[in-house]
Amino acid sequence: MRKLMTKLVRDEQGGEVLEYALIAGLIVVAAIAAITSVGTKVLARWTSLNASM
């Protein structure tokens, strides 16, 4: 794995692929954080509505 990463970093095209992979990873992390936050708020709302019934 280390040899592959070294080869990709030295190769320009591999560097671009690595950059895109990092960007995609950051987008995924942000999406998971947003979905988790929204899910928590929706759960709180449903719990509140259920308690009021």
PDB file of N, CA and C in Angstrom:
ATOM      1  N   MET A   1       0.826  -1.188   0.000  1.00  0.00           N
ATOM      2  CA  MET A   1       0.000   0.000   0.000  1.00  0.00           C
ATOM      3  C   MET A   1       0.870   1.252   0.000  1.00  0.00           C
ATOM      4  N   ARG A   2       1.932   1.218   0.778  1.00  0.00           N
ATOM      5  CA  ARG A   2       2.817   2.379   0.861  1.00  0.00           C
ATOM      6  C   ARG A   2       3.477   2.651  -0.487  1.00  0.00           C
ATOM      7  N   LYS A   3       3.866   1.585  -1.200  1.00  0.00           N
ATOM      8  CA  LYS A   3       4.491   1.761  -2.513  1.00  0.00           C
ATOM      9  C   LYS A   3       3.517   2.408  -3.486  1.00  0.00           C
ATOM     10  N   LEU A   4       2.266   1.988  -3.427  1.00  0.00           N
ATOM     11  CA  LEU A   4       1.245   2.551  -4.305  1.00  0.00           C
ATOM     12  C   LEU A   4       1.043   4.033  -4.011  1.00  0.00           C
ATOM     13  N   MET A   5       0.965   4.397  -2.731  1.00  0.00           N
ATOM     14  CA  MET A   5       0.780   5.798  -2.358  1.00  0.00           C
ATOM     15  C   MET A   5       1.975   6.638  -2.794  1.00  0.00           C
ATOM     16  N   THR A   6       3.187   6.112  -2.622  1.00  0.00           N
ATOM     17  CA  THR A   6       4.383   6.834  -3.044  1.00  0.00           C
ATOM     18  C   THR A   6       4.377   7.041  -4.547  1.00  0.00           C
ATOM     19  N   LYS A   7       4.004   6.014  -5.283  1.00  0.00           N
ATOM     20  CA  LYS A   7       3.943   6.113  -6.743  1.00  0.00           C
ATOM     21  C   LYS A   7       2.902   7.148  -7.169  1.00  0.00           C
ATOM     22  N   LEU A   8       1.741   7.141  -6.525  1.00  0.00           N
ATOM     23  CA  LEU A   8       0.693   8.091  -6.876  1.00  0.00           C
ATOM     24  C   LEU A   8       1.094   9.530  -6.556  1.00  0.00           C
ATOM     25  N   VAL A   9       1.784   9.736  -5.443  1.00  0.00           N
ATOM     26  CA  VAL A   9       2.195  11.086  -5.064  1.00  0.00           C
ATOM     27  C   VAL A   9       3.239  11.620  -6.029  1.00  0.00           C
ATOM     28  N   ARG A  10       4.144  10.773  -6.506  1.00  0.00           N
ATOM     29  CA  ARG A  10       5.187  11.214  -7.432  1.00  0.00           C
ATOM     30  C   ARG A  10       4.646  11.479  -8.828  1.00  0.00           C
ATOM     31  N   ASP A  11       3.629  10.761  -9.211  1.00  0.00           N
ATOM     32  CA  ASP A  11       3.028  10.929 -10.526  1.00  0.00           C
ATOM     33  C   ASP A  11       2.015  12.069 -10.450  1.00  0.00           C
ATOM     34  N   GLU A  12       2.058  13.011 -11.406  1.00  0.00           N
ATOM     35  CA  GLU A  12       1.145  14.157 -11.381  1.00  0.00           C
ATOM     36  C   GLU A  12      -0.309  13.715 -11.434  1.00  0.00           C
ATOM     37  N   GLN A  13      -0.614  12.802 -12.313  1.00  0.00           N
ATOM     38  CA  GLN A  13      -1.988  12.344 -12.448  1.00  0.00           C
ATOM     39  C   GLN A  13      -2.438  11.641 -11.166  1.00  0.00           C
ATOM     40  N   GLY A  14      -1.536  10.921 -10.565  1.00  0.00           N
ATOM     41  CA  GLY A  14      -1.851  10.268  -9.299  1.00  0.00           C
ATOM     42  C   GLY A  14      -2.118  11.284  -8.206  1.00  0.00           C
ATOM     43  N   GLY A  15      -1.387  12.394  -8.243  1.00  0.00           N
ATOM     44  CA  GLY A  15      -1.616  13.470  -7.279  1.00  0.00           C
ATOM     45  C   GLY A  15      -3.001  14.057  -7.420  1.00  0.00           C
ATOM     46  N   GLU A  16      -3.435  14.205  -8.657  1.00  0.00           N
ATOM     47  CA  GLU A  16      -4.780  14.732  -8.898  1.00  0.00           C
ATOM     48  C   GLU A  16      -5.836  13.765  -8.368  1.00  0.00           C
ATOM     49  N   VAL A  17      -5.613  12.489  -8.608  1.00  0.00           N
ATOM     50  CA  VAL A  17      -6.556  11.481  -8.113  1.00  0.00           C
ATOM     51  C   VAL A  17      -6.612  11.529  -6.591  1.00  0.00           C
ATOM     52  N   LEU A  18      -5.468  11.680  -5.973  1.00  0.00           N
ATOM     53  CA  LEU A  18      -5.405  11.753  -4.518  1.00  0.00           C
ATOM     54  C   LEU A  18      -6.151  12.984  -4.002  1.00  0.00           C
ATOM     55  N   GLU A  19      -5.993  14.114  -4.678  1.00  0.00           N
ATOM     56  CA  GLU A  19      -6.701  15.332  -4.282  1.00  0.00           C
ATOM     57  C   GLU A  19      -8.211  15.146  -4.393  1.00  0.00           C
ATOM     58  N   TYR A  20      -8.658  14.553  -5.496  1.00  0.00           N
ATOM     59  CA  TYR A  20     -10.090  14.315  -5.664  1.00  0.00           C
ATOM     60  C   TYR A  20     -10.616  13.355  -4.602  1.00  0.00           C
ATOM     61  N   ALA A  21      -9.826  12.364  -4.250  1.00  0.00           N
ATOM     62  CA  ALA A  21     -10.242  11.413  -3.218  1.00  0.00           C
ATOM     63  C   ALA A  21     -10.377  12.112  -1.862  1.00  0.00           C
ATOM     64  N   LEU A  22      -9.451  13.008  -1.557  1.00  0.00           N
ATOM     65  CA  LEU A  22      -9.534  13.752  -0.301  1.00  0.00           C
ATOM     66  C   LEU A  22     -10.756  14.668  -0.277  1.00  0.00           C
ATOM     67  N   ILE A  23     -11.016  15.340  -1.393  1.00  0.00           N
ATOM     68  CA  ILE A  23     -12.190  16.213  -1.480  1.00  0.00           C
ATOM     69  C   ILE A  23     -13.464  15.393  -1.318  1.00  0.00           C
ATOM     70  N   ALA A  24     -13.530  14.253  -1.991  1.00  0.00           N
ATOM     71  CA  ALA A  24     -14.708  13.390  -1.880  1.00  0.00           C
ATOM     72  C   ALA A  24     -14.885  12.917  -0.438  1.00  0.00           C
ATOM     73  N   GLY A  25     -13.792  12.589   0.212  1.00  0.00           N
ATOM     74  CA  GLY A  25     -13.860  12.167   1.611  1.00  0.00           C
ATOM     75  C   GLY A  25     -14.394  13.262   2.518  1.00  0.00           C
ATOM     76  N   LEU A  26     -13.943  14.493   2.290  1.00  0.00           N
ATOM     77  CA  LEU A  26     -14.434  15.616   3.090  1.00  0.00           C
ATOM     78  C   LEU A  26     -15.922  15.861   2.856  1.00  0.00           C
ATOM     79  N   ILE A  27     -16.358  15.717   1.611  1.00  0.00           N
ATOM     80  CA  ILE A  27     -17.779  15.889   1.295  1.00  0.00           C
ATOM     81  C   ILE A  27     -18.609  14.822   2.003  1.00  0.00           C
ATOM     82  N   VAL A  28     -18.115  13.597   2.003  1.00  0.00           N
ATOM     83  CA  VAL A  28     -18.833  12.506   2.673  1.00  0.00           C
ATOM     84  C   VAL A  28     -18.927  12.771   4.176  1.00  0.00           C
ATOM     85  N   VAL A  29     -17.838  13.212   4.776  1.00  0.00           N
ATOM     86  CA  VAL A  29     -17.850  13.503   6.213  1.00  0.00           C
ATOM     87  C   VAL A  29     -18.841  14.629   6.520  1.00  0.00           C
ATOM     88  N   ALA A  30     -18.845  15.676   5.693  1.00  0.00           N
ATOM     89  CA  ALA A  30     -19.786  16.784   5.899  1.00  0.00           C
ATOM     90  C   ALA A  30     -21.229  16.315   5.738  1.00  0.00           C
ATOM     91  N   ALA A  31     -21.482  15.462   4.755  1.00  0.00           N
ATOM     92  CA  ALA A  31     -22.839  14.955   4.539  1.00  0.00           C
ATOM     93  C   ALA A  31     -23.298  14.107   5.724  1.00  0.00           C
ATOM     94  N   ILE A  32     -22.427  13.266   6.235  1.00  0.00           N
ATOM     95  CA  ILE A  32     -22.779  12.435   7.391  1.00  0.00           C
ATOM     96  C   ILE A  32     -23.081  13.309   8.605  1.00  0.00           C
ATOM     97  N   ALA A  33     -22.263  14.345   8.812  1.00  0.00           N
ATOM     98  CA  ALA A  33     -22.504  15.250   9.941  1.00  0.00           C
ATOM     99  C   ALA A  33     -23.844  15.963   9.797  1.00  0.00           C
ATOM    100  N   ALA A  34     -24.159  16.415   8.590  1.00  0.00           N
ATOM    101  CA  ALA A  34     -25.424  17.117   8.359  1.00  0.00           C
ATOM    102  C   ALA A  34     -26.612  16.182   8.560  1.00  0.00           C
ATOM    103  N   ILE A  35     -26.516  14.981   8.027  1.00  0.00           N
ATOM    104  CA  ILE A  35     -27.617  14.016   8.159  1.00  0.00           C
ATOM    105  C   ILE A  35     -27.820  13.631   9.619  1.00  0.00           C
ATOM    106  N   THR A  36     -26.750  13.458  10.350  1.00  0.00           N
ATOM    107  CA  THR A  36     -26.846  13.119  11.766  1.00  0.00           C
ATOM    108  C   THR A  36     -27.519  14.246  12.542  1.00  0.00           C
ATOM    109  N   SER A  37     -27.128  15.472  12.244  1.00  0.00           N
ATOM    110  CA  SER A  37     -27.719  16.627  12.921  1.00  0.00           C
ATOM    111  C   SER A  37     -29.211  16.741  12.631  1.00  0.00           C
ATOM    112  N   VAL A  38     -29.571  16.605  11.372  1.00  0.00           N
ATOM    113  CA  VAL A  38     -30.984  16.680  10.989  1.00  0.00           C
ATOM    114  C   VAL A  38     -31.761  15.526  11.616  1.00  0.00           C
ATOM    115  N   GLY A  39     -31.179  14.344  11.620  1.00  0.00           N
ATOM    116  CA  GLY A  39     -31.844  13.184  12.210  1.00  0.00           C
ATOM    117  C   GLY A  39     -32.126  13.376  13.689  1.00  0.00           C
ATOM    118  N   THR A  40     -31.181  13.968  14.392  1.00  0.00           N
ATOM    119  CA  THR A  40     -31.366  14.231  15.817  1.00  0.00           C
ATOM    120  C   THR A  40     -32.505  15.222  16.037  1.00  0.00           C
ATOM    121  N   LYS A  41     -32.554  16.258  15.210  1.00  0.00           N
ATOM    122  CA  LYS A  41     -33.613  17.267  15.342  1.00  0.00           C
ATOM    123  C   LYS A  41     -34.980  16.679  14.999  1.00  0.00           C
ATOM    124  N   VAL A  42     -35.039  15.842  13.977  1.00  0.00           N
ATOM    125  CA  VAL A  42     -36.309  15.209  13.601  1.00  0.00           C
ATOM    126  C   VAL A  42     -36.781  14.275  14.712  1.00  0.00           C
ATOM    127  N   LEU A  43     -35.865  13.516  15.282  1.00  0.00           N
ATOM    128  CA  LEU A  43     -36.223  12.623  16.385  1.00  0.00           C
ATOM    129  C   LEU A  43     -36.775  13.411  17.568  1.00  0.00           C
ATOM    130  N   ALA A  44     -36.147  14.524  17.893  1.00  0.00           N
ATOM    131  CA  ALA A  44     -36.631  15.354  18.998  1.00  0.00           C
ATOM    132  C   ALA A  44     -38.026  15.889  18.699  1.00  0.00           C
ATOM    133  N   ARG A  45     -38.257  16.284  17.461  1.00  0.00           N
ATOM    134  CA  ARG A  45     -39.577  16.809  17.079  1.00  0.00           C
ATOM    135  C   ARG A  45     -40.641  15.717  17.186  1.00  0.00           C
ATOM    136  N   TRP A  46     -40.331  14.516  16.677  1.00  0.00           N
ATOM    137  CA  TRP A  46     -41.291  13.410  16.742  1.00  0.00           C
ATOM    138  C   TRP A  46     -41.575  13.019  18.188  1.00  0.00           C
ATOM    139  N   THR A  47     -40.556  13.025  19.014  1.00  0.00           N
ATOM    140  CA  THR A  47     -40.734  12.693  20.428  1.00  0.00           C
ATOM    141  C   THR A  47     -41.649  13.714  21.096  1.00  0.00           C
ATOM    142  N   SER A  48     -41.434  14.978  20.781  1.00  0.00           N
ATOM    143  CA  SER A  48     -42.275  16.040  21.332  1.00  0.00           C
ATOM    144  C   SER A  48     -43.722  15.890  20.877  1.00  0.00           C
ATOM    145  N   LEU A  49     -43.917  15.608  19.603  1.00  0.00           N
ATOM    146  CA  LEU A  49     -45.272  15.431  19.078  1.00  0.00           C
ATOM    147  C   LEU A  49     -45.954  14.218  19.699  1.00  0.00           C
ATOM    148  N   ASN A  50     -45.202  13.146  19.859  1.00  0.00           N
ATOM    149  CA  ASN A  50     -45.751  11.926  20.445  1.00  0.00           C
ATOM    150  C   ASN A  50     -46.164  12.156  21.899  1.00  0.00           C
ATOM    151  N   ALA A  51     -45.368  12.917  22.626  1.00  0.00           N
ATOM    152  CA  ALA A  51     -45.668  13.186  24.030  1.00  0.00           C
ATOM    153  C   ALA A  51     -46.910  14.064  24.171  1.00  0.00           C
ATOM    154  N   SER A  52     -47.135  14.934  23.202  1.00  0.00           N
ATOM    155  CA  SER A  52     -48.286  15.843  23.294  1.00  0.00           C
ATOM    156  C   SER A  52     -49.597  15.159  22.921  1.00  0.00           C
ATOM    157  N   MET A  53     -49.539  14.002  22.304  1.00  0.00           N
ATOM    158  CA  MET A  53     -50.761  13.304  21.894  1.00  0.00           C
ATOM    159  C   MET A  53     -51.333  12.610  23.053  1.00  0.00           C
TER     160      MET A  53
END
